[in-house]
């Protein structure tokens, strides 16, 4: 099935917290509660932000504070509805929204 959707990408550091809870976990819980159809979270092996502090995993030592990327494919309307609250949750990090055209999905959330 085909459809027009958007890709919501959220970039955060693994060790960032909101209260005592990891920020990424607060975001995942928020998206779950808002009935997002699905998401994927990726752990980066290297990254830095505006502060130029490098986050990396090395073979000889434990990885520390690696970058995380949470991706959601959803309708534009659903994403626009979520953005104001999501921006309040995000203490540090970045959110991007990209138009995309979905080629194949068993139960697409997007418009045909």
PDB file of N, CA and C in Angstrom:
ATOM      1  N   UNK A   1       0.835  -1.184   0.000  1.00  0.00           N
ATOM      2  CA  UNK A   1       0.000   0.000   0.000  1.00  0.00           C
ATOM      3  C   UNK A   1       0.877   1.243   0.000  1.00  0.00           C
ATOM      4  N   UNK A   2       0.396   2.269  -0.629  1.00  0.00           N
ATOM      5  CA  UNK A   2       1.142   3.511  -0.730  1.00  0.00           C
ATOM      6  C   UNK A   2       0.419   4.621   0.015  1.00  0.00           C
ATOM      7  N   UNK A   3       1.154   5.628   0.431  1.00  0.00           N
ATOM      8  CA  UNK A   3       0.507   6.750   1.087  1.00  0.00           C
ATOM      9  C   UNK A   3       1.480   7.864   1.408  1.00  0.00           C
ATOM     10  N   UNK A   4       0.936   9.041   1.609  1.00  0.00           N
ATOM     11  CA  UNK A   4       1.745  10.192   2.000  1.00  0.00           C
ATOM     12  C   UNK A   4       1.767  10.269   3.518  1.00  0.00           C
ATOM     13  N   UNK A   5       2.957  10.356   4.049  1.00  0.00           N
ATOM     14  CA  UNK A   5       3.161  10.368   5.497  1.00  0.00           C
ATOM     15  C   UNK A   5       4.249  11.382   5.827  1.00  0.00           C
ATOM     16  N   UNK A   6       4.575  11.457   7.087  1.00  0.00           N
ATOM     17  CA  UNK A   6       5.761  12.197   7.510  1.00  0.00           C
ATOM     18  C   UNK A   6       6.601  11.279   8.392  1.00  0.00           C
ATOM     19  N   UNK A   7       7.886  11.569   8.388  1.00  0.00           N
ATOM     20  CA  UNK A   7       8.824  10.885   9.264  1.00  0.00           C
ATOM     21  C   UNK A   7       9.170  11.852  10.383  1.00  0.00           C
ATOM     22  N   UNK A   8       8.796  11.492  11.599  1.00  0.00           N
ATOM     23  CA  UNK A   8       9.141  12.267  12.788  1.00  0.00           C
ATOM     24  C   UNK A   8      10.404  11.651  13.363  1.00  0.00           C
ATOM     25  N   UNK A   9      11.468  12.435  13.462  1.00  0.00           N
ATOM     26  CA  UNK A   9      12.731  11.965  14.030  1.00  0.00           C
ATOM     27  C   UNK A   9      13.060  12.804  15.253  1.00  0.00           C
ATOM     28  N   UNK A  10      13.409  12.127  16.327  1.00  0.00           N
ATOM     29  CA  UNK A  10      13.733  12.792  17.583  1.00  0.00           C
ATOM     30  C   UNK A  10      15.132  12.343  17.989  1.00  0.00           C
ATOM     31  N   UNK A  11      16.013  13.297  18.206  1.00  0.00           N
ATOM     32  CA  UNK A  11      17.406  13.015  18.553  1.00  0.00           C
ATOM     33  C   UNK A  11      17.649  13.440  19.999  1.00  0.00           C
ATOM     34  N   UNK A  12      18.131  12.518  20.828  1.00  0.00           N
ATOM     35  CA  UNK A  12      18.428  12.809  22.227  1.00  0.00           C
ATOM     36  C   UNK A  12      19.692  12.061  22.642  1.00  0.00           C
ATOM     37  N   UNK A  13      20.266  12.473  23.756  1.00  0.00           N
ATOM     38  CA  UNK A  13      21.394  11.754  24.340  1.00  0.00           C
ATOM     39  C   UNK A  13      20.866  10.674  25.277  1.00  0.00           C
ATOM     40  N   UNK A  14      21.527   9.556  25.284  1.00  0.00           N
ATOM     41  CA  UNK A  14      21.127   8.405  26.089  1.00  0.00           C
ATOM     42  C   UNK A  14      21.011   8.726  27.575  1.00  0.00           C
ATOM     43  N   UNK A  15      21.896   9.548  28.099  1.00  0.00           N
ATOM     44  CA  UNK A  15      21.939   9.830  29.534  1.00  0.00           C
ATOM     45  C   UNK A  15      21.077  11.008  29.970  1.00  0.00           C
ATOM     46  N   UNK A  16      20.446  11.705  29.018  1.00  0.00           N
ATOM     47  CA  UNK A  16      19.606  12.857  29.359  1.00  0.00           C
ATOM     48  C   UNK A  16      18.392  12.377  30.160  1.00  0.00           C
ATOM     49  N   UNK A  17      18.036  13.127  31.200  1.00  0.00           N
ATOM     50  CA  UNK A  17      16.920  12.732  32.067  1.00  0.00           C
ATOM     51  C   UNK A  17      15.870  13.834  32.148  1.00  0.00           C
ATOM     52  N   UNK A  18      14.667  13.410  32.482  1.00  0.00           N
ATOM     53  CA  UNK A  18      13.587  14.322  32.807  1.00  0.00           C
ATOM     54  C   UNK A  18      13.132  13.861  34.190  1.00  0.00           C
ATOM     55  N   UNK A  19      13.508  14.609  35.195  1.00  0.00           N
ATOM     56  CA  UNK A  19      13.346  14.129  36.571  1.00  0.00           C
ATOM     57  C   UNK A  19      14.317  12.977  36.783  1.00  0.00           C
ATOM     58  N   UNK A  20      13.814  11.841  37.213  1.00  0.00           N
ATOM     59  CA  UNK A  20      14.665  10.657  37.414  1.00  0.00           C
ATOM     60  C   UNK A  20      14.576   9.675  36.258  1.00  0.00           C
ATOM     61  N   UNK A  21      13.706   9.973  35.309  1.00  0.00           N
ATOM     62  CA  UNK A  21      13.438   9.075  34.191  1.00  0.00           C
ATOM     63  C   UNK A  21      14.299   9.451  32.984  1.00  0.00           C
ATOM     64  N   UNK A  22      14.843   8.463  32.280  1.00  0.00           N
ATOM     65  CA  UNK A  22      15.557   8.791  31.039  1.00  0.00           C
ATOM     66  C   UNK A  22      14.622   9.520  30.070  1.00  0.00           C
ATOM     67  N   UNK A  23      15.137  10.558  29.432  1.00  0.00           N
ATOM     68  CA  UNK A  23      14.340  11.348  28.506  1.00  0.00           C
ATOM     69  C   UNK A  23      13.768  10.484  27.390  1.00  0.00           C
ATOM     70  N   UNK A  24      14.592   9.580  26.844  1.00  0.00           N
ATOM     71  CA  UNK A  24      14.102   8.735  25.763  1.00  0.00           C
ATOM     72  C   UNK A  24      12.916   7.890  26.219  1.00  0.00           C
ATOM     73  N   UNK A  25      12.931   7.434  27.466  1.00  0.00           N
ATOM     74  CA  UNK A  25      11.824   6.622  27.998  1.00  0.00           C
ATOM     75  C   UNK A  25      10.559   7.474  28.142  1.00  0.00           C
ATOM     76  N   UNK A  26      10.711   8.719  28.570  1.00  0.00           N
ATOM     77  CA  UNK A  26       9.566   9.626  28.672  1.00  0.00           C
ATOM     78  C   UNK A  26       8.957   9.861  27.292  1.00  0.00           C
ATOM     79  N   UNK A  27       9.797   9.991  26.273  1.00  0.00           N
ATOM     80  CA  UNK A  27       9.314  10.192  24.905  1.00  0.00           C
ATOM     81  C   UNK A  27       8.602   8.937  24.405  1.00  0.00           C
ATOM     82  N   UNK A  28       9.198   7.767  24.632  1.00  0.00           N
ATOM     83  CA  UNK A  28       8.569   6.512  24.207  1.00  0.00           C
ATOM     84  C   UNK A  28       7.215   6.329  24.877  1.00  0.00           C
ATOM     85  N   UNK A  29       7.138   6.598  26.180  1.00  0.00           N
ATOM     86  CA  UNK A  29       5.867   6.490  26.911  1.00  0.00           C
ATOM     87  C   UNK A  29       4.835   7.468  26.350  1.00  0.00           C
ATOM     88  N   UNK A  30       5.265   8.699  26.081  1.00  0.00           N
ATOM     89  CA  UNK A  30       4.379   9.727  25.524  1.00  0.00           C
ATOM     90  C   UNK A  30       3.788   9.251  24.191  1.00  0.00           C
ATOM     91  N   UNK A  31       4.634   8.730  23.311  1.00  0.00           N
ATOM     92  CA  UNK A  31       4.170   8.279  21.999  1.00  0.00           C
ATOM     93  C   UNK A  31       3.251   7.059  22.128  1.00  0.00           C
ATOM     94  N   UNK A  32       3.554   6.158  23.045  1.00  0.00           N
ATOM     95  CA  UNK A  32       2.712   4.981  23.289  1.00  0.00           C
ATOM     96  C   UNK A  32       1.315   5.416  23.742  1.00  0.00           C
ATOM     97  N   UNK A  33       1.279   6.352  24.678  1.00  0.00           N
ATOM     98  CA  UNK A  33       0.006   6.835  25.222  1.00  0.00           C
ATOM     99  C   UNK A  33      -0.818   7.580  24.179  1.00  0.00           C
ATOM    100  N   UNK A  34      -0.158   8.161  23.155  1.00  0.00           N
ATOM    101  CA  UNK A  34      -0.864   8.913  22.109  1.00  0.00           C
ATOM    102  C   UNK A  34      -1.242   8.014  20.939  1.00  0.00           C
ATOM    103  N   UNK A  35      -1.105   6.705  21.097  1.00  0.00           N
ATOM    104  CA  UNK A  35      -1.546   5.723  20.108  1.00  0.00           C
ATOM    105  C   UNK A  35      -0.808   5.826  18.776  1.00  0.00           C
ATOM    106  N   UNK A  36       0.486   6.090  18.846  1.00  0.00           N
ATOM    107  CA  UNK A  36       1.316   6.057  17.638  1.00  0.00           C
ATOM    108  C   UNK A  36       1.396   4.601  17.183  1.00  0.00           C
ATOM    109  N   UNK A  37       1.268   4.371  15.883  1.00  0.00           N
ATOM    110  CA  UNK A  37       1.192   3.011  15.347  1.00  0.00           C
ATOM    111  C   UNK A  37       2.480   2.213  15.531  1.00  0.00           C
ATOM    112  N   UNK A  38       3.608   2.886  15.551  1.00  0.00           N
ATOM    113  CA  UNK A  38       4.877   2.179  15.718  1.00  0.00           C
ATOM    114  C   UNK A  38       6.036   3.149  15.685  1.00  0.00           C
ATOM    115  N   UNK A  39       7.143   2.719  16.242  1.00  0.00           N
ATOM    116  CA  UNK A  39       8.350   3.533  16.220  1.00  0.00           C
ATOM    117  C   UNK A  39       9.559   2.622  16.279  1.00  0.00           C
ATOM    118  N   UNK A  40      10.684   3.189  15.945  1.00  0.00           N
ATOM    119  CA  UNK A  40      11.962   2.491  16.051  1.00  0.00           C
ATOM    120  C   UNK A  40      12.944   3.441  16.698  1.00  0.00           C
ATOM    121  N   UNK A  41      13.755   2.900  17.617  1.00  0.00           N
ATOM    122  CA  UNK A  41      14.787   3.715  18.255  1.00  0.00           C
ATOM    123  C   UNK A  41      16.146   3.133  17.877  1.00  0.00           C
ATOM    124  N   UNK A  42      17.031   4.005  17.442  1.00  0.00           N
ATOM    125  CA  UNK A  42      18.374   3.623  17.028  1.00  0.00           C
ATOM    126  C   UNK A  42      19.385   4.190  18.019  1.00  0.00           C
ATOM    127  N   UNK A  43      20.415   3.413  18.307  1.00  0.00           N
ATOM    128  CA  UNK A  43      21.509   3.895  19.145  1.00  0.00           C
ATOM    129  C   UNK A  43      22.690   4.183  18.226  1.00  0.00           C
ATOM    130  N   UNK A  44      23.177   5.408  18.283  1.00  0.00           N
ATOM    131  CA  UNK A  44      24.296   5.808  17.441  1.00  0.00           C
ATOM    132  C   UNK A  44      25.624   5.351  18.007  1.00  0.00           C
ATOM    133  N   UNK A  45      26.623   5.303  17.157  1.00  0.00           N
ATOM    134  CA  UNK A  45      27.970   4.949  17.603  1.00  0.00           C
ATOM    135  C   UNK A  45      28.864   6.171  17.721  1.00  0.00           C
ATOM    136  N   UNK A  46      28.367   7.302  17.208  1.00  0.00           N
ATOM    137  CA  UNK A  46      29.158   8.526  17.253  1.00  0.00           C
ATOM    138  C   UNK A  46      28.222   9.705  17.020  1.00  0.00           C
ATOM    139  N   UNK A  47      28.460  10.782  17.731  1.00  0.00           N
ATOM    140  CA  UNK A  47      27.663  11.971  17.493  1.00  0.00           C
ATOM    141  C   UNK A  47      28.132  13.131  18.352  1.00  0.00           C
ATOM    142  N   UNK A  48      27.714  14.340  17.954  1.00  0.00           N
ATOM    143  CA  UNK A  48      27.922  15.526  18.779  1.00  0.00           C
ATOM    144  C   UNK A  48      26.854  16.537  18.416  1.00  0.00           C
ATOM    145  N   UNK A  49      26.616  17.451  19.338  1.00  0.00           N
ATOM    146  CA  UNK A  49      25.607  18.486  19.142  1.00  0.00           C
ATOM    147  C   UNK A  49      26.250  19.854  19.112  1.00  0.00           C
ATOM    148  N   UNK A  50      25.445  20.889  19.365  1.00  0.00           N
ATOM    149  CA  UNK A  50      25.953  22.263  19.300  1.00  0.00           C
ATOM    150  C   UNK A  50      27.108  22.531  20.269  1.00  0.00           C
ATOM    151  N   UNK A  51      27.159  21.784  21.368  1.00  0.00           N
ATOM    152  CA  UNK A  51      28.247  21.983  22.333  1.00  0.00           C
ATOM    153  C   UNK A  51      29.556  21.329  21.891  1.00  0.00           C
ATOM    154  N   UNK A  52      29.527  20.602  20.788  1.00  0.00           N
ATOM    155  CA  UNK A  52      30.694  19.926  20.193  1.00  0.00           C
ATOM    156  C   UNK A  52      31.292  18.845  21.103  1.00  0.00           C
ATOM    157  N   UNK A  53      30.558  18.404  22.104  1.00  0.00           N
ATOM    158  CA  UNK A  53      31.018  17.309  22.961  1.00  0.00           C
ATOM    159  C   UNK A  53      30.756  15.996  22.221  1.00  0.00           C
ATOM    160  N   UNK A  54      31.803  15.221  22.014  1.00  0.00           N
ATOM    161  CA  UNK A  54      31.700  13.987  21.240  1.00  0.00           C
ATOM    162  C   UNK A  54      31.165  12.861  22.116  1.00  0.00           C
ATOM    163  N   UNK A  55      30.186  12.132  21.563  1.00  0.00           N
ATOM    164  CA  UNK A  55      29.620  10.953  22.206  1.00  0.00           C
ATOM    165  C   UNK A  55      29.961   9.769  21.308  1.00  0.00           C
ATOM    166  N   UNK A  56      30.655   8.794  21.861  1.00  0.00           N
ATOM    167  CA  UNK A  56      31.071   7.667  21.035  1.00  0.00           C
ATOM    168  C   UNK A  56      31.163   6.397  21.865  1.00  0.00           C
ATOM    169  N   UNK A  57      31.055   5.273  21.209  1.00  0.00           N
ATOM    170  CA  UNK A  57      31.287   3.971  21.824  1.00  0.00           C
ATOM    171  C   UNK A  57      32.600   3.429  21.292  1.00  0.00           C
ATOM    172  N   UNK A  58      33.454   3.028  22.169  1.00  0.00           N
ATOM    173  CA  UNK A  58      34.749   2.498  21.740  1.00  0.00           C
ATOM    174  C   UNK A  58      34.856   1.054  22.183  1.00  0.00           C
ATOM    175  N   UNK A  59      35.615   0.285  21.442  1.00  0.00           N
ATOM    176  CA  UNK A  59      35.741  -1.136  21.747  1.00  0.00           C
ATOM    177  C   UNK A  59      36.405  -1.406  23.090  1.00  0.00           C
ATOM    178  N   UNK A  60      37.343  -0.571  23.492  1.00  0.00           N
ATOM    179  CA  UNK A  60      38.126  -0.857  24.691  1.00  0.00           C
ATOM    180  C   UNK A  60      37.529  -0.277  25.969  1.00  0.00           C
ATOM    181  N   UNK A  61      36.457   0.453  25.873  1.00  0.00           N
ATOM    182  CA  UNK A  61      35.830   0.979  27.075  1.00  0.00           C
ATOM    183  C   UNK A  61      34.313   0.971  26.912  1.00  0.00           C
ATOM    184  N   UNK A  62      33.615   1.079  27.990  1.00  0.00           N
ATOM    185  CA  UNK A  62      32.154   1.087  27.935  1.00  0.00           C
ATOM    186  C   UNK A  62      31.665   2.335  27.215  1.00  0.00           C
ATOM    187  N   UNK A  63      30.654   2.166  26.427  1.00  0.00           N
ATOM    188  CA  UNK A  63      30.062   3.299  25.716  1.00  0.00           C
ATOM    189  C   UNK A  63      29.368   4.212  26.709  1.00  0.00           C
ATOM    190  N   UNK A  64      29.521   5.504  26.513  1.00  0.00           N
ATOM    191  CA  UNK A  64      28.922   6.485  27.414  1.00  0.00           C
ATOM    192  C   UNK A  64      28.061   7.472  26.643  1.00  0.00           C
ATOM    193  N   UNK A  65      26.874   7.709  27.152  1.00  0.00           N
ATOM    194  CA  UNK A  65      25.996   8.762  26.667  1.00  0.00           C
ATOM    195  C   UNK A  65      25.904   8.810  25.139  1.00  0.00           C
ATOM    196  N   UNK A  66      25.568   7.686  24.532  1.00  0.00           N
ATOM    197  CA  UNK A  66      25.489   7.622  23.080  1.00  0.00           C
ATOM    198  C   UNK A  66      24.256   8.359  22.554  1.00  0.00           C
ATOM    199  N   UNK A  67      24.328   8.829  21.315  1.00  0.00           N
ATOM    200  CA  UNK A  67      23.167   9.491  20.724  1.00  0.00           C
ATOM    201  C   UNK A  67      22.084   8.460  20.395  1.00  0.00           C
ATOM    202  N   UNK A  68      20.831   8.870  20.558  1.00  0.00           N
ATOM    203  CA  UNK A  68      19.687   8.033  20.217  1.00  0.00           C
ATOM    204  C   UNK A  68      18.819   8.762  19.205  1.00  0.00           C
ATOM    205  N   UNK A  69      18.212   7.997  18.319  1.00  0.00           N
ATOM    206  CA  UNK A  69      17.277   8.560  17.344  1.00  0.00           C
ATOM    207  C   UNK A  69      15.996   7.730  17.397  1.00  0.00           C
ATOM    208  N   UNK A  70      14.880   8.402  17.620  1.00  0.00           N
ATOM    209  CA  UNK A  70      13.572   7.764  17.646  1.00  0.00           C
ATOM    210  C   UNK A  70      12.861   8.175  16.357  1.00  0.00           C
ATOM    211  N   UNK A  71      12.390   7.190  15.585  1.00  0.00           N
ATOM    212  CA  UNK A  71      11.707   7.469  14.328  1.00  0.00           C
ATOM    213  C   UNK A  71      10.274   6.962  14.363  1.00  0.00           C
ATOM    214  N   UNK A  72       9.370   7.780  13.841  1.00  0.00           N
ATOM    215  CA  UNK A  72       7.950   7.462  13.752  1.00  0.00           C
ATOM    216  C   UNK A  72       7.477   7.812  12.344  1.00  0.00           C
ATOM    217  N   UNK A  73       6.763   6.907  11.694  1.00  0.00           N
ATOM    218  CA  UNK A  73       6.099   7.201  10.423  1.00  0.00           C
ATOM    219  C   UNK A  73       4.614   7.320  10.740  1.00  0.00           C
ATOM    220  N   UNK A  74       4.046   8.480  10.442  1.00  0.00           N
ATOM    221  CA  UNK A  74       2.662   8.764  10.850  1.00  0.00           C
ATOM    222  C   UNK A  74       2.047   9.773   9.886  1.00  0.00           C
ATOM    223  N   UNK A  75       0.778  10.051  10.062  1.00  0.00           N
ATOM    224  CA  UNK A  75       0.121  11.088   9.273  1.00  0.00           C
ATOM    225  C   UNK A  75       0.621  12.457   9.743  1.00  0.00           C
ATOM    226  N   UNK A  76       0.619  13.404   8.839  1.00  0.00           N
ATOM    227  CA  UNK A  76       1.030  14.773   9.184  1.00  0.00           C
ATOM    228  C   UNK A  76       0.146  15.330  10.290  1.00  0.00           C
ATOM    229  N   UNK A  77      -1.160  15.082  10.210  1.00  0.00           N
ATOM    230  CA  UNK A  77      -2.103  15.602  11.204  1.00  0.00           C
ATOM    231  C   UNK A  77      -1.771  15.088  12.600  1.00  0.00           C
ATOM    232  N   UNK A  78      -1.476  13.804  12.707  1.00  0.00           N
ATOM    233  CA  UNK A  78      -1.166  13.204  14.013  1.00  0.00           C
ATOM    234  C   UNK A  78       0.124  13.806  14.572  1.00  0.00           C
ATOM    235  N   UNK A  79       1.132  13.944  13.722  1.00  0.00           N
ATOM    236  CA  UNK A  79       2.415  14.495  14.168  1.00  0.00           C
ATOM    237  C   UNK A  79       2.249  15.954  14.587  1.00  0.00           C
ATOM    238  N   UNK A  80       1.529  16.735  13.804  1.00  0.00           N
ATOM    239  CA  UNK A  80       1.323  18.145  14.159  1.00  0.00           C
ATOM    240  C   UNK A  80       0.561  18.285  15.473  1.00  0.00           C
ATOM    241  N   UNK A  81      -0.324  17.349  15.743  1.00  0.00           N
ATOM    242  CA  UNK A  81      -1.065  17.338  17.003  1.00  0.00           C
ATOM    243  C   UNK A  81      -0.130  17.062  18.191  1.00  0.00           C
ATOM    244  N   UNK A  82       0.877  16.220  17.983  1.00  0.00           N
ATOM    245  CA  UNK A  82       1.799  15.822  19.051  1.00  0.00           C
ATOM    246  C   UNK A  82       2.910  16.834  19.326  1.00  0.00           C
ATOM    247  N   UNK A  83       3.301  17.598  18.317  1.00  0.00           N
ATOM    248  CA  UNK A  83       4.495  18.438  18.420  1.00  0.00           C
ATOM    249  C   UNK A  83       4.512  19.416  19.597  1.00  0.00           C
ATOM    250  N   UNK A  84       3.442  20.150  19.883  1.00  0.00           N
ATOM    251  CA  UNK A  84       3.523  21.092  21.009  1.00  0.00           C
ATOM    252  C   UNK A  84       3.861  20.416  22.346  1.00  0.00           C
ATOM    253  N   UNK A  85       3.231  19.280  22.622  1.00  0.00           N
ATOM    254  CA  UNK A  85       3.518  18.573  23.873  1.00  0.00           C
ATOM    255  C   UNK A  85       4.902  17.940  23.840  1.00  0.00           C
ATOM    256  N   UNK A  86       5.270  17.409  22.690  1.00  0.00           N
ATOM    257  CA  UNK A  86       6.579  16.779  22.545  1.00  0.00           C
ATOM    258  C   UNK A  86       7.700  17.791  22.753  1.00  0.00           C
ATOM    259  N   UNK A  87       7.518  18.997  22.255  1.00  0.00           N
ATOM    260  CA  UNK A  87       8.519  20.050  22.440  1.00  0.00           C
ATOM    261  C   UNK A  87       8.687  20.412  23.916  1.00  0.00           C
ATOM    262  N   UNK A  88       7.618  20.333  24.686  1.00  0.00           N
ATOM    263  CA  UNK A  88       7.707  20.597  26.128  1.00  0.00           C
ATOM    264  C   UNK A  88       8.502  19.516  26.852  1.00  0.00           C
ATOM    265  N   UNK A  89       8.367  18.266  26.404  1.00  0.00           N
ATOM    266  CA  UNK A  89       9.082  17.140  27.025  1.00  0.00           C
ATOM    267  C   UNK A  89      10.566  17.202  26.714  1.00  0.00           C
ATOM    268  N   UNK A  90      10.902  17.615  25.504  1.00  0.00           N
ATOM    269  CA  UNK A  90      12.279  17.585  25.037  1.00  0.00           C
ATOM    270  C   UNK A  90      13.095  18.690  25.708  1.00  0.00           C
ATOM    271  N   UNK A  91      13.866  18.331  26.711  1.00  0.00           N
ATOM    272  CA  UNK A  91      14.680  19.302  27.434  1.00  0.00           C
ATOM    273  C   UNK A  91      15.931  19.671  26.640  1.00  0.00           C
ATOM    274  N   UNK A  92      16.488  18.701  25.937  1.00  0.00           N
ATOM    275  CA  UNK A  92      17.633  18.882  25.038  1.00  0.00           C
ATOM    276  C   UNK A  92      17.449  17.936  23.887  1.00  0.00           C
ATOM    277  N   UNK A  93      17.953  18.301  22.749  1.00  0.00           N
ATOM    278  CA  UNK A  93      17.843  17.417  21.598  1.00  0.00           C
ATOM    279  C   UNK A  93      17.274  18.150  20.405  1.00  0.00           C
ATOM    280  N   UNK A  94      16.759  17.382  19.455  1.00  0.00           N
ATOM    281  CA  UNK A  94      16.287  17.960  18.209  1.00  0.00           C
ATOM    282  C   UNK A  94      15.129  17.121  17.672  1.00  0.00           C
ATOM    283  N   UNK A  95      14.182  17.795  17.038  1.00  0.00           N
ATOM    284  CA  UNK A  95      13.052  17.139  16.385  1.00  0.00           C
ATOM    285  C   UNK A  95      13.056  17.572  14.924  1.00  0.00           C
ATOM    286  N   UNK A  96      12.899  16.604  14.013  1.00  0.00           N
ATOM    287  CA  UNK A  96      12.717  16.931  12.599  1.00  0.00           C
ATOM    288  C   UNK A  96      11.466  16.229  12.088  1.00  0.00           C
ATOM    289  N   UNK A  97      10.827  16.856  11.098  1.00  0.00           N
ATOM    290  CA  UNK A  97       9.667  16.273  10.435  1.00  0.00           C
ATOM    291  C   UNK A  97       9.939  16.357   8.938  1.00  0.00           C
ATOM    292  N   UNK A  98       9.869  15.205   8.264  1.00  0.00           N
ATOM    293  CA  UNK A  98      10.201  15.115   6.849  1.00  0.00           C
ATOM    294  C   UNK A  98       9.047  14.462   6.089  1.00  0.00           C
ATOM    295  N   UNK A  99       8.636  15.073   4.985  1.00  0.00           N
ATOM    296  CA  UNK A  99       7.626  14.444   4.132  1.00  0.00           C
ATOM    297  C   UNK A  99       8.214  13.183   3.517  1.00  0.00           C
ATOM    298  N   UNK A 100       7.368  12.159   3.387  1.00  0.00           N
ATOM    299  CA  UNK A 100       7.827  10.946   2.712  1.00  0.00           C
ATOM    300  C   UNK A 100       6.656  10.292   2.011  1.00  0.00           C
ATOM    301  N   UNK A 101       6.990   9.392   1.138  1.00  0.00           N
ATOM    302  CA  UNK A 101       5.984   8.629   0.422  1.00  0.00           C
ATOM    303  C   UNK A 101       6.189   7.170   0.786  1.00  0.00           C
ATOM    304  N   UNK A 102       5.236   6.573   1.483  1.00  0.00           N
ATOM    305  CA  UNK A 102       5.330   5.194   1.948  1.00  0.00           C
ATOM    306  C   UNK A 102       5.017   4.256   0.796  1.00  0.00           C
ATOM    307  N   UNK A 103       5.891   3.320   0.532  1.00  0.00           N
ATOM    308  CA  UNK A 103       5.717   2.378  -0.573  1.00  0.00           C
ATOM    309  C   UNK A 103       4.972   1.124  -0.127  1.00  0.00           C
ATOM    310  N   UNK A 104       5.352   0.560   1.007  1.00  0.00           N
ATOM    311  CA  UNK A 104       4.739  -0.697   1.407  1.00  0.00           C
ATOM    312  C   UNK A 104       4.647  -0.812   2.922  1.00  0.00           C
ATOM    313  N   UNK A 105       3.474  -1.175   3.402  1.00  0.00           N
ATOM    314  CA  UNK A 105       3.249  -1.404   4.823  1.00  0.00           C
ATOM    315  C   UNK A 105       1.959  -2.190   4.931  1.00  0.00           C
ATOM    316  N   UNK A 106       1.903  -3.179   5.790  1.00  0.00           N
ATOM    317  CA  UNK A 106       0.711  -4.026   5.896  1.00  0.00           C
ATOM    318  C   UNK A 106      -0.516  -3.251   6.363  1.00  0.00           C
ATOM    319  N   UNK A 107      -0.344  -2.381   7.338  1.00  0.00           N
ATOM    320  CA  UNK A 107      -1.445  -1.576   7.844  1.00  0.00           C
ATOM    321  C   UNK A 107      -0.978  -0.140   7.992  1.00  0.00           C
ATOM    322  N   UNK A 108      -0.864   0.594   6.877  1.00  0.00           N
ATOM    323  CA  UNK A 108      -0.280   1.944   6.937  1.00  0.00           C
ATOM    324  C   UNK A 108      -1.150   2.918   7.708  1.00  0.00           C
ATOM    325  N   UNK A 109      -0.509   3.788   8.487  1.00  0.00           N
ATOM    326  CA  UNK A 109      -1.231   4.827   9.207  1.00  0.00           C
ATOM    327  C   UNK A 109      -1.539   6.028   8.325  1.00  0.00           C
ATOM    328  N   UNK A 110      -1.000   6.022   7.109  1.00  0.00           N
ATOM    329  CA  UNK A 110      -1.034   7.213   6.267  1.00  0.00           C
ATOM    330  C   UNK A 110      -2.190   7.201   5.275  1.00  0.00           C
ATOM    331  N   UNK A 111      -2.414   8.373   4.714  1.00  0.00           N
ATOM    332  CA  UNK A 111      -3.480   8.540   3.728  1.00  0.00           C
ATOM    333  C   UNK A 111      -3.070   7.913   2.409  1.00  0.00           C
ATOM    334  N   UNK A 112      -4.027   7.441   1.681  1.00  0.00           N
ATOM    335  CA  UNK A 112      -3.746   6.888   0.350  1.00  0.00           C
ATOM    336  C   UNK A 112      -3.712   7.978  -0.684  1.00  0.00           C
TER     337      UNK A 112
END
